[in-house]
Amino acid sequence: MIRAPTSSAACTVSSGSMCIARMNQLPRRLHPRPGGRCDHACDVIRAIEGPLANIRDTSLSDLQYHGTATALVTVWMAVRTGLRGVLEKVTLADLIANDLPDHVGAMARAYESEERRRHGL
């Protein structure tokens, strides 16, 4: 596990508890896990925002592009898979403890490295 960088936007134990309390007040149909459990970051996002990667308010199975844009459906599938690969592995306990899975830290470091390269730093 790695320690996530701290910031003013960091989740605290009290705000994490409030988030869980809010989730528990949602109608059962919005709880993504059996028994109404909310254990992962994806659970909170899905319950509050809906799908992790919302494209034109359309499900991926209904999404259609034509002509030279046909491959965009595959691109959006990959985007959603990438989001799931992070958000389904990060628990609320990880966030509250500021202790993220190693692969999440590696992805964040790759992002930072790419940003430095793009900006010539």
PDB file of N, CA and C in Angstrom:
ATOM      1  N   MET A   1       0.835  -1.182   0.000  1.00  0.00           N
ATOM      2  CA  MET A   1       0.000   0.000   0.000  1.00  0.00           C
ATOM      3  C   MET A   1       0.879   1.244   0.000  1.00  0.00           C
ATOM      4  N   ILE A   2       0.373   2.293  -0.612  1.00  0.00           N
ATOM      5  CA  ILE A   2       1.096   3.556  -0.606  1.00  0.00           C
ATOM      6  C   ILE A   2       0.280   4.598   0.133  1.00  0.00           C
ATOM      7  N   ARG A   3       0.947   5.644   0.544  1.00  0.00           N
ATOM      8  CA  ARG A   3       0.257   6.759   1.187  1.00  0.00           C
ATOM      9  C   ARG A   3      -0.085   7.769   0.103  1.00  0.00           C
ATOM     10  N   ALA A   4      -1.341   8.165   0.040  1.00  0.00           N
ATOM     11  CA  ALA A   4      -1.748   9.181  -0.930  1.00  0.00           C
ATOM     12  C   ALA A   4      -1.284  10.539  -0.458  1.00  0.00           C
ATOM     13  N   PRO A   5      -0.955  11.424  -1.400  1.00  0.00           N
ATOM     14  CA  PRO A   5      -0.567  12.774  -0.983  1.00  0.00           C
ATOM     15  C   PRO A   5      -1.707  13.444  -0.241  1.00  0.00           C
ATOM     16  N   THR A   6      -1.368  14.198   0.776  1.00  0.00           N
ATOM     17  CA  THR A   6      -2.405  14.900   1.528  1.00  0.00           C
ATOM     18  C   THR A   6      -2.693  16.234   0.861  1.00  0.00           C
ATOM     19  N   SER A   7      -3.923  16.679   0.989  1.00  0.00           N
ATOM     20  CA  SER A   7      -4.312  17.981   0.447  1.00  0.00           C
ATOM     21  C   SER A   7      -5.498  18.485   1.236  1.00  0.00           C
ATOM     22  N   SER A   8      -5.889  19.714   0.945  1.00  0.00           N
ATOM     23  CA  SER A   8      -7.043  20.283   1.640  1.00  0.00           C
ATOM     24  C   SER A   8      -8.315  19.540   1.281  1.00  0.00           C
ATOM     25  N   ALA A   9      -8.294  18.809   0.153  1.00  0.00           N
ATOM     26  CA  ALA A   9      -9.474  18.065  -0.271  1.00  0.00           C
ATOM     27  C   ALA A   9      -9.473  16.636   0.266  1.00  0.00           C
ATOM     28  N   ALA A  10      -8.483  16.280   1.068  1.00  0.00           N
ATOM     29  CA  ALA A  10      -8.374  14.915   1.563  1.00  0.00           C
ATOM     30  C   ALA A  10      -9.577  14.550   2.428  1.00  0.00           C
ATOM     31  N   CYS A  11      -9.951  13.294   2.353  1.00  0.00           N
ATOM     32  CA  CYS A  11     -11.076  12.783   3.123  1.00  0.00           C
ATOM     33  C   CYS A  11     -10.633  12.576   4.570  1.00  0.00           C
ATOM     34  N   THR A  12     -11.395  13.058   5.503  1.00  0.00           N
ATOM     35  CA  THR A  12     -11.088  12.842   6.911  1.00  0.00           C
ATOM     36  C   THR A  12     -12.000  11.751   7.439  1.00  0.00           C
ATOM     37  N   VAL A  13     -11.693  11.249   8.612  1.00  0.00           N
ATOM     38  CA  VAL A  13     -12.531  10.208   9.201  1.00  0.00           C
ATOM     39  C   VAL A  13     -13.956  10.713   9.362  1.00  0.00           C
ATOM     40  N   SER A  14     -14.121  11.938   9.835  1.00  0.00           N
ATOM     41  CA  SER A  14     -15.474  12.443  10.058  1.00  0.00           C
ATOM     42  C   SER A  14     -16.222  12.634   8.739  1.00  0.00           C
ATOM     43  N   SER A  15     -15.573  13.182   7.707  1.00  0.00           N
ATOM     44  CA  SER A  15     -16.276  13.360   6.439  1.00  0.00           C
ATOM     45  C   SER A  15     -16.524  12.010   5.787  1.00  0.00           C
ATOM     46  N   GLY A  16     -15.592  11.060   5.967  1.00  0.00           N
ATOM     47  CA  GLY A  16     -15.818   9.705   5.447  1.00  0.00           C
ATOM     48  C   GLY A  16     -17.009   9.056   6.125  1.00  0.00           C
ATOM     49  N   SER A  17     -17.144   9.250   7.424  1.00  0.00           N
ATOM     50  CA  SER A  17     -18.281   8.709   8.155  1.00  0.00           C
ATOM     51  C   SER A  17     -19.579   9.352   7.703  1.00  0.00           C
ATOM     52  N   MET A  18     -19.530  10.664   7.440  1.00  0.00           N
ATOM     53  CA  MET A  18     -20.727  11.352   6.951  1.00  0.00           C
ATOM     54  C   MET A  18     -21.121  10.813   5.579  1.00  0.00           C
ATOM     55  N   CYS A  19     -20.124  10.535   4.754  1.00  0.00           N
ATOM     56  CA  CYS A  19     -20.384   9.988   3.425  1.00  0.00           C
ATOM     57  C   CYS A  19     -21.071   8.630   3.549  1.00  0.00           C
ATOM     58  N   ILE A  20     -20.557   7.780   4.416  1.00  0.00           N
ATOM     59  CA  ILE A  20     -21.161   6.463   4.616  1.00  0.00           C
ATOM     60  C   ILE A  20     -22.573   6.612   5.165  1.00  0.00           C
ATOM     61  N   ALA A  21     -22.768   7.527   6.111  1.00  0.00           N
ATOM     62  CA  ALA A  21     -24.109   7.746   6.663  1.00  0.00           C
ATOM     63  C   ALA A  21     -25.067   8.197   5.570  1.00  0.00           C
ATOM     64  N   ARG A  22     -24.601   9.084   4.702  1.00  0.00           N
ATOM     65  CA  ARG A  22     -25.447   9.552   3.605  1.00  0.00           C
ATOM     66  C   ARG A  22     -25.801   8.390   2.669  1.00  0.00           C
ATOM     67  N   MET A  23     -24.812   7.551   2.370  1.00  0.00           N
ATOM     68  CA  MET A  23     -25.068   6.401   1.506  1.00  0.00           C
ATOM     69  C   MET A  23     -26.132   5.497   2.111  1.00  0.00           C
ATOM     70  N   ASN A  24     -26.067   5.294   3.420  1.00  0.00           N
ATOM     71  CA  ASN A  24     -27.015   4.406   4.074  1.00  0.00           C
ATOM     72  C   ASN A  24     -28.438   4.954   4.058  1.00  0.00           C
ATOM     73  N   GLN A  25     -28.608   6.255   3.808  1.00  0.00           N
ATOM     74  CA  GLN A  25     -29.936   6.856   3.731  1.00  0.00           C
ATOM     75  C   GLN A  25     -30.541   6.755   2.335  1.00  0.00           C
ATOM     76  N   LEU A  26     -29.724   6.371   1.352  1.00  0.00           N
ATOM     77  CA  LEU A  26     -30.233   6.270  -0.011  1.00  0.00           C
ATOM     78  C   LEU A  26     -31.177   5.088  -0.154  1.00  0.00           C
ATOM     79  N   PRO A  27     -32.123   5.163  -1.087  1.00  0.00           N
ATOM     80  CA  PRO A  27     -32.997   4.021  -1.328  1.00  0.00           C
ATOM     81  C   PRO A  27     -32.171   2.785  -1.684  1.00  0.00           C
ATOM     82  N   ARG A  28     -32.622   1.628  -1.255  1.00  0.00           N
ATOM     83  CA  ARG A  28     -31.886   0.388  -1.470  1.00  0.00           C
ATOM     84  C   ARG A  28     -31.553   0.162  -2.946  1.00  0.00           C
ATOM     85  N   ARG A  29     -32.405   0.600  -3.862  1.00  0.00           N
ATOM     86  CA  ARG A  29     -32.154   0.368  -5.290  1.00  0.00           C
ATOM     87  C   ARG A  29     -30.889   1.087  -5.769  1.00  0.00           C
ATOM     88  N   LEU A  30     -30.444   2.096  -5.037  1.00  0.00           N
ATOM     89  CA  LEU A  30     -29.235   2.809  -5.416  1.00  0.00           C
ATOM     90  C   LEU A  30     -27.971   2.190  -4.840  1.00  0.00           C
ATOM     91  N   HIS A  31     -28.133   1.247  -3.909  1.00  0.00           N
ATOM     92  CA  HIS A  31     -26.963   0.590  -3.348  1.00  0.00           C
ATOM     93  C   HIS A  31     -26.467  -0.455  -4.331  1.00  0.00           C
ATOM     94  N   PRO A  32     -25.215  -0.350  -4.764  1.00  0.00           N
ATOM     95  CA  PRO A  32     -24.714  -1.251  -5.782  1.00  0.00           C
ATOM     96  C   PRO A  32     -24.323  -2.629  -5.284  1.00  0.00           C
ATOM     97  N   ARG A  33     -24.166  -2.823  -4.014  1.00  0.00           N
ATOM     98  CA  ARG A  33     -23.730  -4.124  -3.510  1.00  0.00           C
ATOM     99  C   ARG A  33     -24.864  -4.810  -2.751  1.00  0.00           C
ATOM    100  N   PRO A  34     -24.853  -6.142  -2.750  1.00  0.00           N
ATOM    101  CA  PRO A  34     -25.890  -6.880  -2.027  1.00  0.00           C
ATOM    102  C   PRO A  34     -25.943  -6.458  -0.561  1.00  0.00           C
ATOM    103  N   GLY A  35     -27.130  -6.352  -0.024  1.00  0.00           N
ATOM    104  CA  GLY A  35     -27.299  -5.988   1.378  1.00  0.00           C
ATOM    105  C   GLY A  35     -27.108  -4.506   1.638  1.00  0.00           C
ATOM    106  N   GLY A  36     -27.015  -3.719   0.576  1.00  0.00           N
ATOM    107  CA  GLY A  36     -26.878  -2.279   0.737  1.00  0.00           C
ATOM    108  C   GLY A  36     -25.516  -1.839   1.224  1.00  0.00           C
ATOM    109  N   ARG A  37     -24.491  -2.680   1.045  1.00  0.00           N
ATOM    110  CA  ARG A  37     -23.156  -2.332   1.519  1.00  0.00           C
ATOM    111  C   ARG A  37     -22.500  -1.304   0.608  1.00  0.00           C
ATOM    112  N   CYS A  38     -21.781  -0.404   1.203  1.00  0.00           N
ATOM    113  CA  CYS A  38     -21.034   0.630   0.485  1.00  0.00           C
ATOM    114  C   CYS A  38     -19.603   0.557   0.970  1.00  0.00           C
ATOM    115  N   ASP A  39     -18.765  -0.200   0.270  1.00  0.00           N
ATOM    116  CA  ASP A  39     -17.403  -0.431   0.732  1.00  0.00           C
ATOM    117  C   ASP A  39     -16.338   0.252  -0.113  1.00  0.00           C
ATOM    118  N   HIS A  40     -16.640   0.556  -1.348  1.00  0.00           N
ATOM    119  CA  HIS A  40     -15.634   1.051  -2.282  1.00  0.00           C
ATOM    120  C   HIS A  40     -16.000   2.426  -2.829  1.00  0.00           C
ATOM    121  N   ALA A  41     -14.976   3.115  -3.325  1.00  0.00           N
ATOM    122  CA  ALA A  41     -15.189   4.439  -3.914  1.00  0.00           C
ATOM    123  C   ALA A  41     -16.223   4.372  -5.037  1.00  0.00           C
ATOM    124  N   CYS A  42     -16.210   3.305  -5.815  1.00  0.00           N
ATOM    125  CA  CYS A  42     -17.163   3.178  -6.926  1.00  0.00           C
ATOM    126  C   CYS A  42     -18.604   3.129  -6.415  1.00  0.00           C
ATOM    127  N   ASP A  43     -18.820   2.571  -5.235  1.00  0.00           N
ATOM    128  CA  ASP A  43     -20.176   2.490  -4.682  1.00  0.00           C
ATOM    129  C   ASP A  43     -20.745   3.885  -4.444  1.00  0.00           C
ATOM    130  N   VAL A  44     -19.918   4.751  -3.874  1.00  0.00           N
ATOM    131  CA  VAL A  44     -20.356   6.115  -3.585  1.00  0.00           C
ATOM    132  C   VAL A  44     -20.639   6.852  -4.888  1.00  0.00           C
ATOM    133  N   ILE A  45     -19.722   6.767  -5.831  1.00  0.00           N
ATOM    134  CA  ILE A  45     -19.882   7.479  -7.103  1.00  0.00           C
ATOM    135  C   ILE A  45     -21.108   6.985  -7.854  1.00  0.00           C
ATOM    136  N   ARG A  46     -21.282   5.674  -7.933  1.00  0.00           N
ATOM    137  CA  ARG A  46     -22.442   5.135  -8.662  1.00  0.00           C
ATOM    138  C   ARG A  46     -23.753   5.534  -8.001  1.00  0.00           C
ATOM    139  N   ALA A  47     -23.791   5.506  -6.676  1.00  0.00           N
ATOM    140  CA  ALA A  47     -25.029   5.837  -5.972  1.00  0.00           C
ATOM    141  C   ALA A  47     -25.395   7.306  -6.122  1.00  0.00           C
ATOM    142  N   ILE A  48     -24.394   8.168  -6.151  1.00  0.00           N
ATOM    143  CA  ILE A  48     -24.657   9.600  -6.214  1.00  0.00           C
ATOM    144  C   ILE A  48     -24.718  10.102  -7.656  1.00  0.00           C
ATOM    145  N   GLU A  49     -23.795   9.639  -8.502  1.00  0.00           N
ATOM    146  CA  GLU A  49     -23.666  10.172  -9.858  1.00  0.00           C
ATOM    147  C   GLU A  49     -24.230   9.267 -10.947  1.00  0.00           C
ATOM    148  N   GLY A  50     -24.351   7.968 -10.662  1.00  0.00           N
ATOM    149  CA  GLY A  50     -24.757   7.037 -11.718  1.00  0.00           C
ATOM    150  C   GLY A  50     -23.535   6.301 -12.249  1.00  0.00           C
ATOM    151  N   PRO A  51     -23.557   5.913 -13.519  1.00  0.00           N
ATOM    152  CA  PRO A  51     -22.434   5.146 -14.088  1.00  0.00           C
ATOM    153  C   PRO A  51     -21.101   5.864 -13.923  1.00  0.00           C
ATOM    154  N   LEU A  52     -20.033   5.078 -13.808  1.00  0.00           N
ATOM    155  CA  LEU A  52     -18.705   5.653 -13.613  1.00  0.00           C
ATOM    156  C   LEU A  52     -18.268   6.517 -14.788  1.00  0.00           C
ATOM    157  N   ALA A  53     -18.553   6.079 -15.986  1.00  0.00           N
ATOM    158  CA  ALA A  53     -18.198   6.857 -17.183  1.00  0.00           C
ATOM    159  C   ALA A  53     -19.472   7.027 -17.992  1.00  0.00           C
ATOM    160  N   ASN A  54     -20.127   8.132 -17.791  1.00  0.00           N
ATOM    161  CA  ASN A  54     -21.390   8.397 -18.458  1.00  0.00           C
ATOM    162  C   ASN A  54     -21.115   9.087 -19.797  1.00  0.00           C
ATOM    163  N   ILE A  55     -21.543   8.458 -20.862  1.00  0.00           N
ATOM    164  CA  ILE A  55     -21.325   8.991 -22.198  1.00  0.00           C
ATOM    165  C   ILE A  55     -22.674   9.322 -22.812  1.00  0.00           C
ATOM    166  N   ARG A  56     -22.935  10.598 -22.957  1.00  0.00           N
ATOM    167  CA  ARG A  56     -24.185  11.077 -23.577  1.00  0.00           C
ATOM    168  C   ARG A  56     -25.433  10.479 -22.920  1.00  0.00           C
ATOM    169  N   ASP A  57     -25.382  10.210 -21.611  1.00  0.00           N
ATOM    170  CA  ASP A  57     -26.515   9.605 -20.893  1.00  0.00           C
ATOM    171  C   ASP A  57     -27.011   8.335 -21.563  1.00  0.00           C
ATOM    172  N   THR A  58     -26.097   7.571 -22.125  1.00  0.00           N
ATOM    173  CA  THR A  58     -26.430   6.343 -22.844  1.00  0.00           C
ATOM    174  C   THR A  58     -25.573   5.212 -22.308  1.00  0.00           C
ATOM    175  N   SER A  59     -26.168   4.036 -22.140  1.00  0.00           N
ATOM    176  CA  SER A  59     -25.371   2.889 -21.714  1.00  0.00           C
ATOM    177  C   SER A  59     -24.473   2.465 -22.868  1.00  0.00           C
ATOM    178  N   LEU A  60     -23.364   1.831 -22.542  1.00  0.00           N
ATOM    179  CA  LEU A  60     -22.445   1.400 -23.593  1.00  0.00           C
ATOM    180  C   LEU A  60     -23.099   0.431 -24.572  1.00  0.00           C
ATOM    181  N   SER A  61     -24.014  -0.386 -24.086  1.00  0.00           N
ATOM    182  CA  SER A  61     -24.670  -1.340 -24.985  1.00  0.00           C
ATOM    183  C   SER A  61     -25.571  -0.637 -26.000  1.00  0.00           C
ATOM    184  N   ASP A  62     -26.017   0.573 -25.697  1.00  0.00           N
ATOM    185  CA  ASP A  62     -26.865   1.329 -26.619  1.00  0.00           C
ATOM    186  C   ASP A  62     -26.101   2.395 -27.402  1.00  0.00           C
ATOM    187  N   LEU A  63     -24.847   2.595 -27.053  1.00  0.00           N
ATOM    188  CA  LEU A  63     -24.059   3.649 -27.673  1.00  0.00           C
ATOM    189  C   LEU A  63     -23.668   3.258 -29.094  1.00  0.00           C
ATOM    190  N   GLN A  64     -23.876   4.155 -30.025  1.00  0.00           N
ATOM    191  CA  GLN A  64     -23.532   3.879 -31.421  1.00  0.00           C
ATOM    192  C   GLN A  64     -22.842   5.079 -32.042  1.00  0.00           C
ATOM    193  N   TYR A  65     -21.785   4.788 -32.757  1.00  0.00           N
ATOM    194  CA  TYR A  65     -21.110   5.784 -33.579  1.00  0.00           C
ATOM    195  C   TYR A  65     -21.053   5.202 -34.988  1.00  0.00           C
ATOM    196  N   HIS A  66     -20.952   6.065 -35.964  1.00  0.00           N
ATOM    197  CA  HIS A  66     -20.966   5.597 -37.346  1.00  0.00           C
ATOM    198  C   HIS A  66     -19.739   6.096 -38.095  1.00  0.00           C
ATOM    199  N   GLY A  67     -19.450   5.428 -39.169  1.00  0.00           N
ATOM    200  CA  GLY A  67     -18.349   5.850 -40.027  1.00  0.00           C
ATOM    201  C   GLY A  67     -17.012   5.749 -39.326  1.00  0.00           C
ATOM    202  N   THR A  68     -16.210   6.791 -39.480  1.00  0.00           N
ATOM    203  CA  THR A  68     -14.859   6.774 -38.908  1.00  0.00           C
ATOM    204  C   THR A  68     -14.849   6.830 -37.391  1.00  0.00           C
ATOM    205  N   ALA A  69     -15.985   7.112 -36.764  1.00  0.00           N
ATOM    206  CA  ALA A  69     -16.067   7.188 -35.295  1.00  0.00           C
ATOM    207  C   ALA A  69     -16.494   5.871 -34.660  1.00  0.00           C
ATOM    208  N   THR A  70     -16.693   4.828 -35.434  1.00  0.00           N
ATOM    209  CA  THR A  70     -17.193   3.546 -34.918  1.00  0.00           C
ATOM    210  C   THR A  70     -16.347   3.011 -33.761  1.00  0.00           C
ATOM    211  N   ALA A  71     -15.040   3.183 -33.830  1.00  0.00           N
ATOM    212  CA  ALA A  71     -14.147   2.647 -32.792  1.00  0.00           C
ATOM    213  C   ALA A  71     -14.306   3.350 -31.445  1.00  0.00           C
ATOM    214  N   LEU A  72     -15.022   4.474 -31.388  1.00  0.00           N
ATOM    215  CA  LEU A  72     -15.193   5.184 -30.115  1.00  0.00           C
ATOM    216  C   LEU A  72     -15.900   4.334 -29.058  1.00  0.00           C
ATOM    217  N   VAL A  73     -16.776   3.426 -29.467  1.00  0.00           N
ATOM    218  CA  VAL A  73     -17.426   2.550 -28.488  1.00  0.00           C
ATOM    219  C   VAL A  73     -16.363   1.740 -27.752  1.00  0.00           C
ATOM    220  N   THR A  74     -15.400   1.219 -28.483  1.00  0.00           N
ATOM    221  CA  THR A  74     -14.309   0.458 -27.869  1.00  0.00           C
ATOM    222  C   THR A  74     -13.482   1.349 -26.951  1.00  0.00           C
ATOM    223  N   VAL A  75     -13.241   2.581 -27.355  1.00  0.00           N
ATOM    224  CA  VAL A  75     -12.499   3.522 -26.522  1.00  0.00           C
ATOM    225  C   VAL A  75     -13.241   3.759 -25.209  1.00  0.00           C
ATOM    226  N   TRP A  76     -14.548   3.993 -25.273  1.00  0.00           N
ATOM    227  CA  TRP A  76     -15.329   4.230 -24.055  1.00  0.00           C
ATOM    228  C   TRP A  76     -15.358   2.988 -23.166  1.00  0.00           C
ATOM    229  N   MET A  77     -15.360   1.797 -23.760  1.00  0.00           N
ATOM    230  CA  MET A  77     -15.282   0.571 -22.955  1.00  0.00           C
ATOM    231  C   MET A  77     -13.970   0.530 -22.186  1.00  0.00           C
ATOM    232  N   ALA A  78     -12.880   0.902 -22.851  1.00  0.00           N
ATOM    233  CA  ALA A  78     -11.570   0.915 -22.196  1.00  0.00           C
ATOM    234  C   ALA A  78     -11.526   1.962 -21.081  1.00  0.00           C
ATOM    235  N   VAL A  79     -12.136   3.122 -21.315  1.00  0.00           N
ATOM    236  CA  VAL A  79     -12.188   4.166 -20.278  1.00  0.00           C
ATOM    237  C   VAL A  79     -12.924   3.643 -19.049  1.00  0.00           C
ATOM    238  N   ARG A  80     -14.065   3.027 -19.264  1.00  0.00           N
ATOM    239  CA  ARG A  80     -14.848   2.515 -18.140  1.00  0.00           C
ATOM    240  C   ARG A  80     -14.077   1.417 -17.404  1.00  0.00           C
ATOM    241  N   THR A  81     -13.381   0.559 -18.143  1.00  0.00           N
ATOM    242  CA  THR A  81     -12.588  -0.496 -17.520  1.00  0.00           C
ATOM    243  C   THR A  81     -11.462   0.100 -16.676  1.00  0.00           C
ATOM    244  N   GLY A  82     -10.829   1.172 -17.180  1.00  0.00           N
ATOM    245  CA  GLY A  82      -9.782   1.832 -16.410  1.00  0.00           C
ATOM    246  C   GLY A  82     -10.304   2.428 -15.118  1.00  0.00           C
ATOM    247  N   LEU A  83     -11.455   3.077 -15.185  1.00  0.00           N
ATOM    248  CA  LEU A  83     -12.066   3.639 -13.978  1.00  0.00           C
ATOM    249  C   LEU A  83     -12.398   2.541 -12.974  1.00  0.00           C
ATOM    250  N   ARG A  84     -12.980   1.448 -13.470  1.00  0.00           N
ATOM    251  CA  ARG A  84     -13.307   0.339 -12.577  1.00  0.00           C
ATOM    252  C   ARG A  84     -12.061  -0.237 -11.928  1.00  0.00           C
ATOM    253  N   GLY A  85     -10.979  -0.328 -12.714  1.00  0.00           N
ATOM    254  CA  GLY A  85      -9.729  -0.883 -12.200  1.00  0.00           C
ATOM    255  C   GLY A  85      -9.183  -0.120 -11.005  1.00  0.00           C
ATOM    256  N   VAL A  86      -9.556   1.128 -10.889  1.00  0.00           N
ATOM    257  CA  VAL A  86      -9.142   1.929  -9.737  1.00  0.00           C
ATOM    258  C   VAL A  86     -10.254   1.966  -8.698  1.00  0.00           C
ATOM    259  N   LEU A  87     -11.424   2.443  -9.088  1.00  0.00           N
ATOM    260  CA  LEU A  87     -12.486   2.724  -8.119  1.00  0.00           C
ATOM    261  C   LEU A  87     -13.092   1.479  -7.477  1.00  0.00           C
ATOM    262  N   GLU A  88     -13.028   0.337  -8.150  1.00  0.00           N
ATOM    263  CA  GLU A  88     -13.537  -0.891  -7.541  1.00  0.00           C
ATOM    264  C   GLU A  88     -12.520  -1.542  -6.623  1.00  0.00           C
ATOM    265  N   LYS A  89     -11.302  -1.046  -6.634  1.00  0.00           N
ATOM    266  CA  LYS A  89     -10.246  -1.593  -5.767  1.00  0.00           C
ATOM    267  C   LYS A  89      -9.929  -0.699  -4.576  1.00  0.00           C
ATOM    268  N   VAL A  90     -10.369   0.562  -4.619  1.00  0.00           N
ATOM    269  CA  VAL A  90     -10.111   1.500  -3.525  1.00  0.00           C
ATOM    270  C   VAL A  90     -11.313   1.483  -2.577  1.00  0.00           C
ATOM    271  N   THR A  91     -11.072   1.095  -1.344  1.00  0.00           N
ATOM    272  CA  THR A  91     -12.154   1.055  -0.369  1.00  0.00           C
ATOM    273  C   THR A  91     -12.268   2.404   0.329  1.00  0.00           C
ATOM    274  N   LEU A  92     -13.411   2.608   0.968  1.00  0.00           N
ATOM    275  CA  LEU A  92     -13.575   3.823   1.758  1.00  0.00           C
ATOM    276  C   LEU A  92     -12.566   3.840   2.910  1.00  0.00           C
ATOM    277  N   ALA A  93     -12.272   2.677   3.450  1.00  0.00           N
ATOM    278  CA  ALA A  93     -11.259   2.596   4.514  1.00  0.00           C
ATOM    279  C   ALA A  93      -9.897   3.041   3.986  1.00  0.00           C
ATOM    280  N   ASP A  94      -9.558   2.668   2.732  1.00  0.00           N
ATOM    281  CA  ASP A  94      -8.303   3.123   2.126  1.00  0.00           C
ATOM    282  C   ASP A  94      -8.261   4.643   2.061  1.00  0.00           C
ATOM    283  N   LEU A  95      -9.369   5.244   1.622  1.00  0.00           N
ATOM    284  CA  LEU A  95      -9.432   6.698   1.494  1.00  0.00           C
ATOM    285  C   LEU A  95      -9.302   7.380   2.854  1.00  0.00           C
ATOM    286  N   ILE A  96     -10.038   6.878   3.816  1.00  0.00           N
ATOM    287  CA  ILE A  96     -10.018   7.476   5.149  1.00  0.00           C
ATOM    288  C   ILE A  96      -8.624   7.354   5.773  1.00  0.00           C
ATOM    289  N   ALA A  97      -7.972   6.204   5.562  1.00  0.00           N
ATOM    290  CA  ALA A  97      -6.635   5.978   6.113  1.00  0.00           C
ATOM    291  C   ALA A  97      -5.545   6.621   5.253  1.00  0.00           C
ATOM    292  N   ASN A  98      -5.931   7.161   4.080  1.00  0.00           N
ATOM    293  CA  ASN A  98      -4.951   7.745   3.164  1.00  0.00           C
ATOM    294  C   ASN A  98      -3.896   6.715   2.799  1.00  0.00           C
ATOM    295  N   ASP A  99      -4.346   5.488   2.523  1.00  0.00           N
ATOM    296  CA  ASP A  99      -3.462   4.355   2.261  1.00  0.00           C
ATOM    297  C   ASP A  99      -4.014   3.602   1.048  1.00  0.00           C
ATOM    298  N   LEU A 100      -3.574   3.988  -0.143  1.00  0.00           N
ATOM    299  CA  LEU A 100      -4.141   3.467  -1.378  1.00  0.00           C
ATOM    300  C   LEU A 100      -3.391   2.237  -1.882  1.00  0.00           C
ATOM    301  N   PRO A 101      -4.073   1.370  -2.667  1.00  0.00           N
ATOM    302  CA  PRO A 101      -3.402   0.200  -3.251  1.00  0.00           C
ATOM    303  C   PRO A 101      -2.221   0.624  -4.127  1.00  0.00           C
ATOM    304  N   ASP A 102      -1.203  -0.226  -4.190  1.00  0.00           N
ATOM    305  CA  ASP A 102       0.014   0.081  -4.937  1.00  0.00           C
ATOM    306  C   ASP A 102      -0.261   0.441  -6.394  1.00  0.00           C
ATOM    307  N   HIS A 103      -1.167  -0.300  -7.050  1.00  0.00           N
ATOM    308  CA  HIS A 103      -1.394  -0.031  -8.477  1.00  0.00           C
ATOM    309  C   HIS A 103      -1.995   1.353  -8.705  1.00  0.00           C
ATOM    310  N   VAL A 104      -2.727   1.865  -7.739  1.00  0.00           N
ATOM    311  CA  VAL A 104      -3.298   3.210  -7.862  1.00  0.00           C
ATOM    312  C   VAL A 104      -2.167   4.244  -7.783  1.00  0.00           C
ATOM    313  N   GLY A 105      -1.241   4.045  -6.872  1.00  0.00           N
ATOM    314  CA  GLY A 105      -0.084   4.932  -6.771  1.00  0.00           C
ATOM    315  C   GLY A 105       0.760   4.893  -8.031  1.00  0.00           C
ATOM    316  N   ALA A 106       0.943   3.695  -8.594  1.00  0.00           N
ATOM    317  CA  ALA A 106       1.730   3.567  -9.825  1.00  0.00           C
ATOM    318  C   ALA A 106       1.049   4.311 -10.973  1.00  0.00           C
ATOM    319  N   MET A 107      -0.268   4.212 -11.043  1.00  0.00           N
ATOM    320  CA  MET A 107      -0.998   4.919 -12.099  1.00  0.00           C
ATOM    321  C   MET A 107      -0.899   6.431 -11.906  1.00  0.00           C
ATOM    322  N   ALA A 108      -0.981   6.889 -10.666  1.00  0.00           N
ATOM    323  CA  ALA A 108      -0.875   8.320 -10.392  1.00  0.00           C
ATOM    324  C   ALA A 108       0.523   8.831 -10.745  1.00  0.00           C
ATOM    325  N   ARG A 109       1.548   8.049 -10.418  1.00  0.00           N
ATOM    326  CA  ARG A 109       2.914   8.449 -10.766  1.00  0.00           C
ATOM    327  C   ARG A 109       3.100   8.495 -12.282  1.00  0.00           C
ATOM    328  N   ALA A 110       2.519   7.542 -13.000  1.00  0.00           N
ATOM    329  CA  ALA A 110       2.597   7.548 -14.464  1.00  0.00           C
ATOM    330  C   ALA A 110       1.913   8.792 -15.023  1.00  0.00           C
ATOM    331  N   TYR A 111       0.782   9.153 -14.446  1.00  0.00           N
ATOM    332  CA  TYR A 111       0.073  10.361 -14.876  1.00  0.00           C
ATOM    333  C   TYR A 111       0.939  11.598 -14.644  1.00  0.00           C
ATOM    334  N   GLU A 112       1.499  11.719 -13.440  1.00  0.00           N
ATOM    335  CA  GLU A 112       2.338  12.867 -13.126  1.00  0.00           C
ATOM    336  C   GLU A 112       3.542  12.948 -14.055  1.00  0.00           C
ATOM    337  N   SER A 113       4.162  11.808 -14.343  1.00  0.00           N
ATOM    338  CA  SER A 113       5.309  11.764 -15.240  1.00  0.00           C
ATOM    339  C   SER A 113       4.911  12.213 -16.644  1.00  0.00           C
ATOM    340  N   GLU A 114       3.788  11.743 -17.112  1.00  0.00           N
ATOM    341  CA  GLU A 114       3.297  12.126 -18.434  1.00  0.00           C
ATOM    342  C   GLU A 114       2.984  13.623 -18.486  1.00  0.00           C
ATOM    343  N   GLU A 115       2.401  14.153 -17.438  1.00  0.00           N
ATOM    344  CA  GLU A 115       2.098  15.589 -17.395  1.00  0.00           C
ATOM    345  C   GLU A 115       3.380  16.428 -17.424  1.00  0.00           C
ATOM    346  N   ARG A 116       4.393  15.985 -16.676  1.00  0.00           N
ATOM    347  CA  ARG A 116       5.676  16.706 -16.700  1.00  0.00           C
ATOM    348  C   ARG A 116       6.279  16.665 -18.104  1.00  0.00           C
ATOM    349  N   ARG A 117       6.210  15.519 -18.747  1.00  0.00           N
ATOM    350  CA  ARG A 117       6.757  15.384 -20.095  1.00  0.00           C
ATOM    351  C   ARG A 117       5.985  16.284 -21.071  1.00  0.00           C
ATOM    352  N   ARG A 118       4.654  16.289 -20.965  1.00  0.00           N
ATOM    353  CA  ARG A 118       3.826  17.098 -21.866  1.00  0.00           C
ATOM    354  C   ARG A 118       4.101  18.586 -21.711  1.00  0.00           C
ATOM    355  N   HIS A 119       4.404  18.991 -20.494  1.00  0.00           N
ATOM    356  CA  HIS A 119       4.616  20.404 -20.222  1.00  0.00           C
ATOM    357  C   HIS A 119       6.091  20.801 -20.213  1.00  0.00           C
ATOM    358  N   GLY A 120       6.947  19.849 -20.624  1.00  0.00           N
ATOM    359  CA  GLY A 120       8.369  20.133 -20.731  1.00  0.00           C
ATOM    360  C   GLY A 120       9.056  20.400 -19.419  1.00  0.00           C
ATOM    361  N   LEU A 121       8.581  19.789 -18.356  1.00  0.00           N
ATOM    362  CA  LEU A 121       9.200  19.992 -17.031  1.00  0.00           C
ATOM    363  C   LEU A 121      10.177  18.886 -16.690  1.00  0.00           C
TER     364      LEU A 121
END
